[in-house]
Amino acid sequence: MLLYVITDDVPDDRRPKRVSDLLEGYGQRVQYSVFECILSERKYAELQQRLQGRVKLKEDSIRFYPLSKHTLGRVDIWGGVELTQVQGSVVV
């Protein structure tokens, strides 16, 4: 399981809610268009497949940033919610 930071930029009127609702089903919203999701390889593939029906690649932007155990310890957070914890990882 990895922690993914997922960002979305969906300029349409209705699609942003459909995209954000889907992402919230897989993780925690930490900012308006930023989500932290702890996903297995299977869940990651499932999420990507489900997103394909909701985004238009010529108009929208979805970015997936996987964070390894090594990089989790280097995350700086100023304000807001704490970093989503991956079971078995240590965040320093």
N, C-alpha and C. Protein backbone atom coordinates (compact mmCIF):
# COMPACT_ATOMS: atom_id res chain seq x y z
N MET A 1 0.84 -1.17 0.00
CA MET A 1 0.00 0.00 0.00
C MET A 1 0.89 1.24 0.00
N LEU A 2 0.48 2.20 -0.79
CA LEU A 2 1.20 3.47 -0.87
C LEU A 2 0.23 4.61 -0.59
N LEU A 3 0.78 5.69 -0.11
CA LEU A 3 0.01 6.93 0.03
C LEU A 3 0.18 7.70 -1.27
N TYR A 4 -0.92 8.05 -1.90
CA TYR A 4 -0.91 8.86 -3.11
C TYR A 4 -1.49 10.23 -2.79
N VAL A 5 -0.82 11.26 -3.25
CA VAL A 5 -1.40 12.60 -3.26
C VAL A 5 -1.97 12.77 -4.66
N ILE A 6 -3.27 13.02 -4.73
CA ILE A 6 -3.95 13.13 -6.02
C ILE A 6 -4.55 14.53 -6.13
N THR A 7 -4.25 15.20 -7.23
CA THR A 7 -4.78 16.54 -7.45
C THR A 7 -5.68 16.52 -8.68
N ASP A 8 -6.69 17.37 -8.65
CA ASP A 8 -7.56 17.46 -9.82
C ASP A 8 -7.81 18.91 -10.19
N ASP A 9 -7.88 19.15 -11.47
CA ASP A 9 -8.26 20.45 -12.01
C ASP A 9 -9.28 20.16 -13.11
N VAL A 10 -10.55 20.30 -12.75
CA VAL A 10 -11.65 19.98 -13.66
C VAL A 10 -12.50 21.24 -13.79
N PRO A 11 -12.34 21.99 -14.90
CA PRO A 11 -12.99 23.30 -15.03
C PRO A 11 -14.48 23.28 -15.35
N ASP A 12 -15.05 22.15 -15.69
CA ASP A 12 -16.47 22.05 -16.06
C ASP A 12 -17.36 22.38 -14.86
N ASP A 13 -18.64 22.64 -15.12
CA ASP A 13 -19.58 22.97 -14.04
C ASP A 13 -19.98 21.77 -13.19
N ARG A 14 -20.23 20.62 -13.81
CA ARG A 14 -20.75 19.47 -13.07
C ARG A 14 -19.71 18.40 -12.76
N ARG A 15 -18.78 18.21 -13.65
CA ARG A 15 -17.81 17.13 -13.48
C ARG A 15 -16.93 17.25 -12.24
N PRO A 16 -16.55 18.45 -11.78
CA PRO A 16 -15.70 18.51 -10.58
C PRO A 16 -16.30 17.78 -9.38
N LYS A 17 -17.60 17.92 -9.16
CA LYS A 17 -18.25 17.25 -8.02
C LYS A 17 -18.20 15.74 -8.20
N ARG A 18 -18.43 15.26 -9.41
CA ARG A 18 -18.39 13.82 -9.66
C ARG A 18 -16.98 13.27 -9.42
N VAL A 19 -15.96 14.03 -9.82
CA VAL A 19 -14.58 13.60 -9.63
C VAL A 19 -14.22 13.65 -8.14
N SER A 20 -14.53 14.75 -7.47
CA SER A 20 -14.16 14.88 -6.06
C SER A 20 -14.93 13.87 -5.19
N ASP A 21 -16.19 13.61 -5.51
CA ASP A 21 -16.94 12.60 -4.75
C ASP A 21 -16.29 11.23 -4.88
N LEU A 22 -15.84 10.90 -6.09
CA LEU A 22 -15.17 9.63 -6.30
C LEU A 22 -13.86 9.57 -5.50
N LEU A 23 -13.06 10.62 -5.58
CA LEU A 23 -11.78 10.65 -4.86
C LEU A 23 -11.98 10.57 -3.36
N GLU A 24 -13.01 11.24 -2.84
CA GLU A 24 -13.29 11.17 -1.39
C GLU A 24 -13.67 9.76 -0.96
N GLY A 25 -14.19 8.97 -1.88
CA GLY A 25 -14.51 7.58 -1.57
C GLY A 25 -13.27 6.71 -1.41
N TYR A 26 -12.14 7.21 -1.87
CA TYR A 26 -10.89 6.45 -1.79
C TYR A 26 -9.90 7.04 -0.79
N GLY A 27 -10.17 8.23 -0.28
CA GLY A 27 -9.23 8.84 0.64
C GLY A 27 -9.79 10.08 1.30
N GLN A 28 -8.90 10.94 1.75
CA GLN A 28 -9.27 12.14 2.50
C GLN A 28 -8.95 13.39 1.70
N ARG A 29 -9.92 14.29 1.63
CA ARG A 29 -9.67 15.59 1.00
C ARG A 29 -8.89 16.43 1.99
N VAL A 30 -7.74 16.97 1.54
CA VAL A 30 -6.92 17.80 2.43
C VAL A 30 -6.93 19.26 2.00
N GLN A 31 -7.28 19.52 0.76
CA GLN A 31 -7.51 20.87 0.25
C GLN A 31 -8.59 20.75 -0.81
N TYR A 32 -9.00 21.87 -1.39
CA TYR A 32 -10.14 21.86 -2.31
C TYR A 32 -9.99 20.81 -3.41
N SER A 33 -8.84 20.72 -4.04
CA SER A 33 -8.63 19.78 -5.14
C SER A 33 -7.45 18.85 -4.88
N VAL A 34 -7.17 18.58 -3.60
CA VAL A 34 -6.04 17.72 -3.24
C VAL A 34 -6.55 16.64 -2.28
N PHE A 35 -6.18 15.39 -2.58
CA PHE A 35 -6.63 14.25 -1.81
C PHE A 35 -5.44 13.38 -1.43
N GLU A 36 -5.51 12.76 -0.25
CA GLU A 36 -4.52 11.78 0.17
C GLU A 36 -5.24 10.44 0.25
N CYS A 37 -4.74 9.47 -0.49
CA CYS A 37 -5.40 8.17 -0.57
C CYS A 37 -4.38 7.06 -0.34
N ILE A 38 -4.66 6.17 0.58
CA ILE A 38 -3.83 4.99 0.81
C ILE A 38 -4.43 3.87 -0.04
N LEU A 39 -3.64 3.42 -1.03
CA LEU A 39 -4.19 2.48 -2.00
C LEU A 39 -3.27 1.30 -2.25
N SER A 40 -3.87 0.14 -2.38
CA SER A 40 -3.15 -1.03 -2.87
C SER A 40 -3.03 -0.88 -4.39
N GLU A 41 -2.23 -1.72 -5.01
CA GLU A 41 -2.12 -1.66 -6.47
C GLU A 41 -3.48 -1.88 -7.13
N ARG A 42 -4.26 -2.81 -6.58
CA ARG A 42 -5.59 -3.11 -7.14
C ARG A 42 -6.52 -1.91 -7.01
N LYS A 43 -6.54 -1.28 -5.83
CA LYS A 43 -7.41 -0.12 -5.62
C LYS A 43 -6.97 1.07 -6.48
N TYR A 44 -5.66 1.23 -6.65
CA TYR A 44 -5.13 2.30 -7.49
C TYR A 44 -5.60 2.12 -8.94
N ALA A 45 -5.49 0.90 -9.44
CA ALA A 45 -5.95 0.60 -10.81
C ALA A 45 -7.46 0.80 -10.92
N GLU A 46 -8.20 0.39 -9.91
CA GLU A 46 -9.65 0.56 -9.90
C GLU A 46 -10.03 2.04 -9.93
N LEU A 47 -9.36 2.84 -9.11
CA LEU A 47 -9.63 4.28 -9.08
C LEU A 47 -9.35 4.91 -10.44
N GLN A 48 -8.21 4.57 -11.03
CA GLN A 48 -7.89 5.14 -12.34
C GLN A 48 -8.93 4.76 -13.38
N GLN A 49 -9.37 3.53 -13.35
CA GLN A 49 -10.39 3.08 -14.31
C GLN A 49 -11.70 3.85 -14.10
N ARG A 50 -12.11 4.03 -12.86
CA ARG A 50 -13.36 4.75 -12.58
C ARG A 50 -13.25 6.22 -12.95
N LEU A 51 -12.07 6.81 -12.76
CA LEU A 51 -11.88 8.21 -13.13
C LEU A 51 -11.97 8.43 -14.63
N GLN A 52 -11.55 7.44 -15.42
CA GLN A 52 -11.57 7.58 -16.87
C GLN A 52 -12.95 7.94 -17.41
N GLY A 53 -13.99 7.48 -16.75
CA GLY A 53 -15.35 7.79 -17.18
C GLY A 53 -15.82 9.16 -16.74
N ARG A 54 -15.03 9.85 -15.93
CA ARG A 54 -15.45 11.14 -15.38
C ARG A 54 -14.61 12.32 -15.86
N VAL A 55 -13.47 12.06 -16.46
CA VAL A 55 -12.59 13.17 -16.88
C VAL A 55 -12.47 13.23 -18.40
N LYS A 56 -12.16 14.42 -18.86
CA LYS A 56 -11.88 14.66 -20.27
C LYS A 56 -10.42 15.10 -20.35
N LEU A 57 -9.57 14.24 -20.88
CA LEU A 57 -8.14 14.49 -20.86
C LEU A 57 -7.73 15.75 -21.61
N LYS A 58 -8.53 16.20 -22.56
CA LYS A 58 -8.20 17.42 -23.30
C LYS A 58 -8.53 18.67 -22.50
N GLU A 59 -9.37 18.54 -21.47
CA GLU A 59 -9.80 19.69 -20.67
C GLU A 59 -9.34 19.62 -19.21
N ASP A 60 -9.24 18.44 -18.67
CA ASP A 60 -9.01 18.24 -17.24
C ASP A 60 -7.57 17.82 -16.97
N SER A 61 -7.18 17.92 -15.71
CA SER A 61 -5.87 17.45 -15.29
C SER A 61 -6.02 16.72 -13.96
N ILE A 62 -5.60 15.47 -13.93
CA ILE A 62 -5.55 14.68 -12.71
C ILE A 62 -4.10 14.24 -12.56
N ARG A 63 -3.52 14.47 -11.38
CA ARG A 63 -2.12 14.07 -11.15
C ARG A 63 -2.06 13.14 -9.94
N PHE A 64 -1.24 12.12 -10.07
CA PHE A 64 -1.07 11.11 -9.03
C PHE A 64 0.39 11.13 -8.58
N TYR A 65 0.62 11.41 -7.31
CA TYR A 65 1.97 11.46 -6.76
C TYR A 65 2.10 10.37 -5.70
N PRO A 66 2.79 9.26 -5.99
CA PRO A 66 2.99 8.23 -4.97
C PRO A 66 4.09 8.66 -4.00
N LEU A 67 3.85 8.45 -2.72
CA LEU A 67 4.85 8.77 -1.70
C LEU A 67 5.35 7.47 -1.07
N SER A 68 6.63 7.25 -1.13
CA SER A 68 7.22 6.05 -0.54
C SER A 68 7.46 6.27 0.96
N LYS A 69 7.80 5.21 1.66
CA LYS A 69 8.12 5.34 3.08
C LYS A 69 9.29 6.29 3.27
N HIS A 70 10.22 6.30 2.33
CA HIS A 70 11.37 7.20 2.41
C HIS A 70 10.94 8.67 2.31
N THR A 71 10.07 8.97 1.38
CA THR A 71 9.69 10.37 1.18
C THR A 71 8.66 10.85 2.20
N LEU A 72 7.90 9.94 2.81
CA LEU A 72 6.92 10.35 3.81
C LEU A 72 7.57 11.11 4.96
N GLY A 73 8.75 10.68 5.35
CA GLY A 73 9.46 11.33 6.45
C GLY A 73 9.97 12.71 6.10
N ARG A 74 9.90 13.08 4.83
CA ARG A 74 10.41 14.38 4.38
C ARG A 74 9.28 15.36 4.06
N VAL A 75 8.04 14.98 4.31
CA VAL A 75 6.90 15.85 4.02
C VAL A 75 6.82 16.94 5.09
N ASP A 76 6.73 18.19 4.67
CA ASP A 76 6.51 19.32 5.58
C ASP A 76 5.07 19.77 5.44
N ILE A 77 4.39 19.96 6.56
CA ILE A 77 3.01 20.43 6.55
C ILE A 77 2.94 21.68 7.41
N TRP A 78 2.42 22.74 6.85
CA TRP A 78 2.22 24.00 7.57
C TRP A 78 0.72 24.24 7.66
N GLY A 79 0.13 23.97 8.80
CA GLY A 79 -1.30 24.18 8.99
C GLY A 79 -2.11 23.06 8.35
N GLY A 80 -3.42 23.14 8.53
CA GLY A 80 -4.30 22.14 7.94
C GLY A 80 -4.26 20.83 8.70
N VAL A 81 -4.75 19.78 8.05
CA VAL A 81 -4.84 18.47 8.69
C VAL A 81 -3.51 17.74 8.63
N GLU A 82 -3.35 16.80 9.54
CA GLU A 82 -2.14 15.97 9.58
C GLU A 82 -2.08 15.09 8.34
N LEU A 83 -0.88 14.64 8.00
CA LEU A 83 -0.68 13.74 6.88
C LEU A 83 -1.40 12.42 7.15
N THR A 84 -2.08 11.90 6.16
CA THR A 84 -2.74 10.62 6.27
C THR A 84 -1.69 9.55 6.54
N GLN A 85 -1.91 8.73 7.56
CA GLN A 85 -0.92 7.74 7.98
C GLN A 85 -1.12 6.42 7.24
N VAL A 86 -0.03 5.87 6.75
CA VAL A 86 -0.04 4.55 6.14
C VAL A 86 0.34 3.57 7.24
N GLN A 87 -0.47 2.54 7.43
CA GLN A 87 -0.22 1.58 8.49
C GLN A 87 1.16 0.96 8.31
N GLY A 88 1.92 0.97 9.39
CA GLY A 88 3.25 0.37 9.36
C GLY A 88 4.35 1.33 8.96
N SER A 89 4.01 2.57 8.61
CA SER A 89 5.05 3.53 8.23
C SER A 89 5.35 4.44 9.40
N VAL A 90 6.50 5.04 9.36
CA VAL A 90 6.90 5.98 10.39
C VAL A 90 7.12 7.32 9.74
N VAL A 91 6.42 8.34 10.22
CA VAL A 91 6.60 9.70 9.72
C VAL A 91 7.33 10.48 10.78
N VAL A 92 8.48 11.03 10.43
CA VAL A 92 9.31 11.77 11.38
C VAL A 92 9.07 13.25 11.18
